[in-house]
Amino acid sequence: MLSRQARTLASRSATQRSSIPLPKSRAYAQVASTQDTKPPVAVYGIDGTYASALYTAAVKTSSLEPTARALTTLTDVFKKDRKLPSILGAPTLTSSDKSQIVQELQRHMGNVEKGETVKNFLKTLADNNRLGILEGVCEKFGILMSAAKGEIELVVQSASKLDTKTLQRLETAVAKSEYSQGKKLKVVTKINPDILGGLVVEIGDRTIDLSVSSKISKMNKLLTDSL
């Protein structure tokens, strides 16, 4: 797995304190002001800022679809290797370590993106000590692509993997509700053992928390308030 190679690099540099200065962002890492290259919706956080910058760069270089495919590939890598985010965010990674990690990420992307957009973007993340937000960038970029296609993401969190029938029933129910805004739904599933059971459904700026952990939290608050 990719995290195994990254872990080896991290352990090699564990005794060294990184002294790499934070470089200035590259020109393409700035959000463009022109309407043609402006992201279709606002996404927030540091990962959202970088995702918006990548979207702008991809539009400018006419590589939006290849870029989206490359990030989808990286998303799959993260799903298969859950230790990878913490490895990428390790503060002990040296410049050489990060360079090798970027090369490994490119190897996993294969020929999905033949241009330089994603390659340069990964280098910028490495230079700015931001490889740790890559998973979030992939997620936020997916939101931008869905919005550009007139879709709206339906994010479903569950403690364990849901079967296809349950997901289809949920998608049908949400599609008929006002939450869908009449748009095509793009279903994104996430496994989160912390919710214990039930579901947490996110669509647009709405969150419907039907998780067991939420019910326990409410019950604890009720008991605390009554004492």
Protein backbone atom coordinates (compact mmCIF):
# COMPACT_ATOMS: atom_id res chain seq x y z
CA MET A 1 0.00 0.00 0.00
CA LEU A 2 1.04 3.59 -0.55
CA SER A 3 1.05 4.35 3.18
CA ARG A 4 3.62 1.60 3.73
CA GLN A 5 6.10 3.40 1.46
CA ALA A 6 5.21 6.74 3.01
CA ARG A 7 5.58 5.31 6.51
CA THR A 8 9.07 4.09 5.67
CA LEU A 9 10.00 7.58 4.54
CA ALA A 10 8.46 9.12 7.65
CA SER A 11 10.26 6.76 10.03
CA ARG A 12 13.58 7.54 8.33
CA SER A 13 13.13 11.22 9.05
CA ALA A 14 11.40 10.87 12.43
CA THR A 15 14.47 12.14 14.30
CA GLN A 16 14.85 15.17 12.09
CA ARG A 17 12.93 18.41 12.55
CA SER A 18 11.73 19.83 9.28
CA SER A 19 13.35 23.18 8.51
CA ILE A 20 11.84 23.62 5.06
CA PRO A 21 10.57 27.20 4.68
CA LEU A 22 7.04 27.72 3.48
CA PRO A 23 7.36 28.90 -0.13
CA LYS A 24 5.07 31.29 -1.85
CA SER A 25 2.13 29.73 -3.64
CA ARG A 26 2.55 29.29 -7.35
CA ALA A 27 0.65 31.50 -9.73
CA TYR A 28 -1.89 28.81 -10.64
CA ALA A 29 -2.72 28.32 -6.96
CA GLN A 30 -4.60 31.59 -6.90
CA VAL A 31 -8.30 31.66 -7.63
CA ALA A 32 -8.98 33.48 -10.86
CA SER A 33 -11.39 36.37 -10.94
CA THR A 34 -12.78 35.81 -14.41
CA GLN A 35 -16.25 34.35 -14.67
CA ASP A 36 -15.20 31.57 -17.06
CA THR A 37 -12.76 30.06 -14.60
CA LYS A 38 -14.66 30.78 -11.39
CA PRO A 39 -15.72 27.65 -9.44
CA PRO A 40 -19.51 27.07 -9.64
CA VAL A 41 -20.01 27.05 -5.86
CA ALA A 42 -18.07 28.11 -2.78
CA VAL A 43 -16.27 25.41 -0.80
CA TYR A 44 -14.72 26.27 2.53
CA GLY A 45 -11.65 25.47 4.60
CA ILE A 46 -8.03 25.25 3.50
CA ASP A 47 -8.82 22.17 1.42
CA GLY A 48 -11.68 24.10 -0.21
CA THR A 49 -9.34 26.96 -1.10
CA TYR A 50 -6.89 24.59 -2.76
CA ALA A 51 -9.68 22.68 -4.51
CA SER A 52 -11.03 25.95 -5.93
CA ALA A 53 -7.54 26.92 -7.10
CA LEU A 54 -7.11 23.54 -8.79
CA TYR A 55 -10.52 23.89 -10.49
CA THR A 56 -9.51 27.30 -11.83
CA ALA A 57 -6.16 25.98 -13.07
CA ALA A 58 -7.85 22.99 -14.74
CA VAL A 59 -10.35 25.22 -16.55
CA LYS A 60 -7.57 27.54 -17.72
CA THR A 61 -5.59 24.62 -19.14
CA SER A 62 -8.66 22.88 -20.62
CA SER A 63 -7.96 19.84 -18.46
CA LEU A 64 -11.00 19.80 -16.19
CA GLU A 65 -12.22 16.28 -16.99
CA PRO A 66 -8.76 14.63 -16.84
CA THR A 67 -8.12 16.43 -13.56
CA ALA A 68 -11.42 15.18 -12.16
CA ARG A 69 -10.57 11.61 -13.19
CA ALA A 70 -7.14 11.90 -11.56
CA LEU A 71 -8.64 13.08 -8.27
CA THR A 72 -11.25 10.32 -8.39
CA THR A 73 -8.37 7.85 -8.71
CA LEU A 74 -6.66 9.41 -5.69
CA THR A 75 -9.93 9.23 -3.75
CA ASP A 76 -10.01 5.49 -4.39
CA VAL A 77 -6.43 5.24 -3.09
CA PHE A 78 -7.48 6.95 0.15
CA LYS A 79 -10.47 4.62 0.53
CA LYS A 80 -8.23 1.58 0.21
CA ASP A 81 -5.53 2.91 2.52
CA ARG A 82 -6.99 4.66 5.57
CA LYS A 83 -3.59 5.26 7.16
CA LEU A 84 -2.45 7.39 4.25
CA PRO A 85 -3.86 10.78 5.41
CA SER A 86 -1.97 10.69 8.70
CA ILE A 87 1.22 9.66 6.90
CA LEU A 88 0.92 12.53 4.41
CA GLY A 89 0.42 14.97 7.26
CA ALA A 90 3.47 13.81 9.23
CA PRO A 91 5.54 16.89 10.21
CA THR A 92 8.78 14.87 10.03
CA LEU A 93 8.66 14.38 6.26
CA THR A 94 11.68 15.90 4.56
CA SER A 95 11.68 17.58 1.17
CA SER A 96 13.08 14.37 -0.33
CA ASP A 97 10.37 12.28 1.35
CA LYS A 98 7.60 14.49 -0.03
CA SER A 99 9.10 14.41 -3.50
CA GLN A 100 9.08 10.60 -3.46
CA ILE A 101 5.50 10.55 -2.15
CA VAL A 102 4.39 12.84 -4.98
CA GLN A 103 6.03 10.50 -7.48
CA GLU A 104 4.24 7.55 -5.90
CA LEU A 105 0.90 9.35 -6.07
CA GLN A 106 1.54 10.07 -9.74
CA ARG A 107 2.30 6.40 -10.30
CA HIS A 108 -1.07 5.47 -8.83
CA MET A 109 -2.78 7.95 -11.16
CA GLY A 110 -1.12 6.30 -14.14
CA ASN A 111 -2.14 7.84 -17.47
CA VAL A 112 -5.44 9.20 -16.19
CA GLU A 113 -4.08 12.75 -16.35
CA LYS A 114 -1.38 13.20 -18.99
CA GLY A 115 -0.95 16.93 -18.51
CA GLU A 116 0.92 18.89 -15.86
CA THR A 117 -2.02 20.33 -13.88
CA VAL A 118 -2.34 17.69 -11.16
CA LYS A 119 1.40 17.00 -11.16
CA ASN A 120 2.15 20.68 -10.50
CA PHE A 121 -0.64 20.86 -7.95
CA LEU A 122 0.77 17.94 -5.95
CA LYS A 123 4.18 19.60 -5.99
CA THR A 124 2.64 22.81 -4.67
CA LEU A 125 0.93 20.91 -1.84
CA ALA A 126 4.28 19.31 -0.98
CA ASP A 127 6.15 22.64 -1.15
CA ASN A 128 3.55 24.28 1.09
CA ASN A 129 3.51 21.39 3.60
CA ARG A 130 -0.12 20.67 2.68
CA LEU A 131 -0.03 17.06 1.49
CA GLY A 132 -2.08 16.23 4.58
CA ILE A 133 -5.15 18.00 3.15
CA LEU A 134 -5.08 16.11 -0.15
CA GLU A 135 -7.99 13.83 0.76
CA GLY A 136 -10.11 16.86 1.65
CA VAL A 137 -9.11 18.56 -1.60
CA CYS A 138 -10.29 15.52 -3.56
CA GLU A 139 -13.62 15.63 -1.75
CA LYS A 140 -14.14 19.38 -2.25
CA PHE A 141 -13.13 19.11 -5.91
CA GLY A 142 -15.82 16.46 -6.31
CA ILE A 143 -18.37 18.94 -4.96
CA LEU A 144 -17.25 21.54 -7.50
CA MET A 145 -17.50 19.05 -10.37
CA SER A 146 -20.99 17.96 -9.28
CA ALA A 147 -22.12 21.58 -9.15
CA ALA A 148 -20.63 22.23 -12.59
CA LYS A 149 -22.68 19.32 -13.96
CA GLY A 150 -25.87 20.48 -12.27
CA GLU A 151 -25.68 17.71 -9.68
CA ILE A 152 -25.95 17.89 -5.91
CA GLU A 153 -24.03 15.57 -3.61
CA LEU A 154 -25.90 13.29 -1.26
CA VAL A 155 -23.36 12.24 1.36
CA VAL A 156 -24.40 9.24 3.43
CA GLN A 157 -22.39 8.30 6.52
CA SER A 158 -22.94 4.95 8.19
CA ALA A 159 -21.12 2.87 10.79
CA SER A 160 -20.76 0.01 8.30
CA LYS A 161 -21.20 -0.44 4.56
CA LEU A 162 -24.80 -0.10 3.37
CA ASP A 163 -26.28 -2.53 0.87
CA THR A 164 -27.29 -1.32 -2.59
CA LYS A 165 -31.04 -1.68 -1.92
CA THR A 166 -30.89 0.58 1.15
CA LEU A 167 -28.92 3.22 -0.74
CA GLN A 168 -31.37 3.15 -3.65
CA ARG A 169 -34.34 3.58 -1.32
CA LEU A 170 -32.62 6.49 0.41
CA GLU A 171 -31.70 8.13 -2.90
CA THR A 172 -35.27 7.78 -4.16
CA ALA A 173 -36.71 9.30 -0.99
CA VAL A 174 -34.34 12.29 -1.06
CA ALA A 175 -34.85 12.83 -4.80
CA LYS A 176 -38.59 13.26 -4.17
CA SER A 177 -38.02 15.71 -1.33
CA GLU A 178 -37.39 19.45 -1.40
CA TYR A 179 -33.79 18.83 -0.36
CA SER A 180 -32.81 17.69 -3.85
CA GLN A 181 -33.77 21.09 -5.32
CA GLY A 182 -34.84 19.20 -8.44
CA LYS A 183 -31.22 18.34 -9.26
CA LYS A 184 -29.64 15.01 -10.10
CA LEU A 185 -28.17 13.37 -7.02
CA LYS A 186 -24.59 12.14 -6.77
CA VAL A 187 -24.45 9.63 -3.93
CA VAL A 188 -21.23 9.58 -1.89
CA THR A 189 -20.91 6.99 0.87
CA LYS A 190 -18.64 7.22 3.90
CA ILE A 191 -17.91 4.71 6.64
CA ASN A 192 -17.70 6.32 10.08
CA PRO A 193 -17.64 3.84 12.99
CA ASP A 194 -17.91 6.74 15.46
CA ILE A 195 -21.62 7.20 14.73
CA LEU A 196 -22.18 3.67 16.16
CA GLY A 197 -25.27 3.05 14.03
CA GLY A 198 -27.98 4.77 12.02
CA LEU A 199 -27.17 7.37 9.38
CA VAL A 200 -25.92 10.91 8.92
CA VAL A 201 -27.21 12.35 5.64
CA GLU A 202 -25.78 15.54 4.14
CA ILE A 203 -27.19 17.27 1.09
CA GLY A 204 -26.26 20.80 0.13
CA ASP A 205 -26.03 22.77 3.37
CA ARG A 206 -28.47 20.47 5.17
CA THR A 207 -27.49 17.71 7.60
CA ILE A 208 -29.93 15.09 8.85
CA ASP A 209 -28.43 13.29 11.83
CA LEU A 210 -30.13 9.96 12.50
CA SER A 211 -27.09 8.37 14.11
CA VAL A 212 -27.06 6.37 17.33
CA SER A 213 -24.25 8.55 18.67
CA SER A 214 -26.44 11.64 18.19
CA LYS A 215 -29.33 10.02 20.06
CA ILE A 216 -27.01 9.03 22.92
CA SER A 217 -25.63 12.57 23.06
CA LYS A 218 -29.14 14.03 23.23
CA MET A 219 -30.11 11.54 25.92
CA ASN A 220 -27.02 12.38 27.98
CA LYS A 221 -27.79 16.09 27.69
CA LEU A 222 -31.38 15.48 28.78
CA LEU A 223 -30.21 13.51 31.82
CA THR A 224 -27.61 16.14 32.69
CA ASP A 225 -30.11 19.00 32.41
CA SER A 226 -32.59 17.17 34.64
CA LEU A 227 -30.10 16.64 37.47
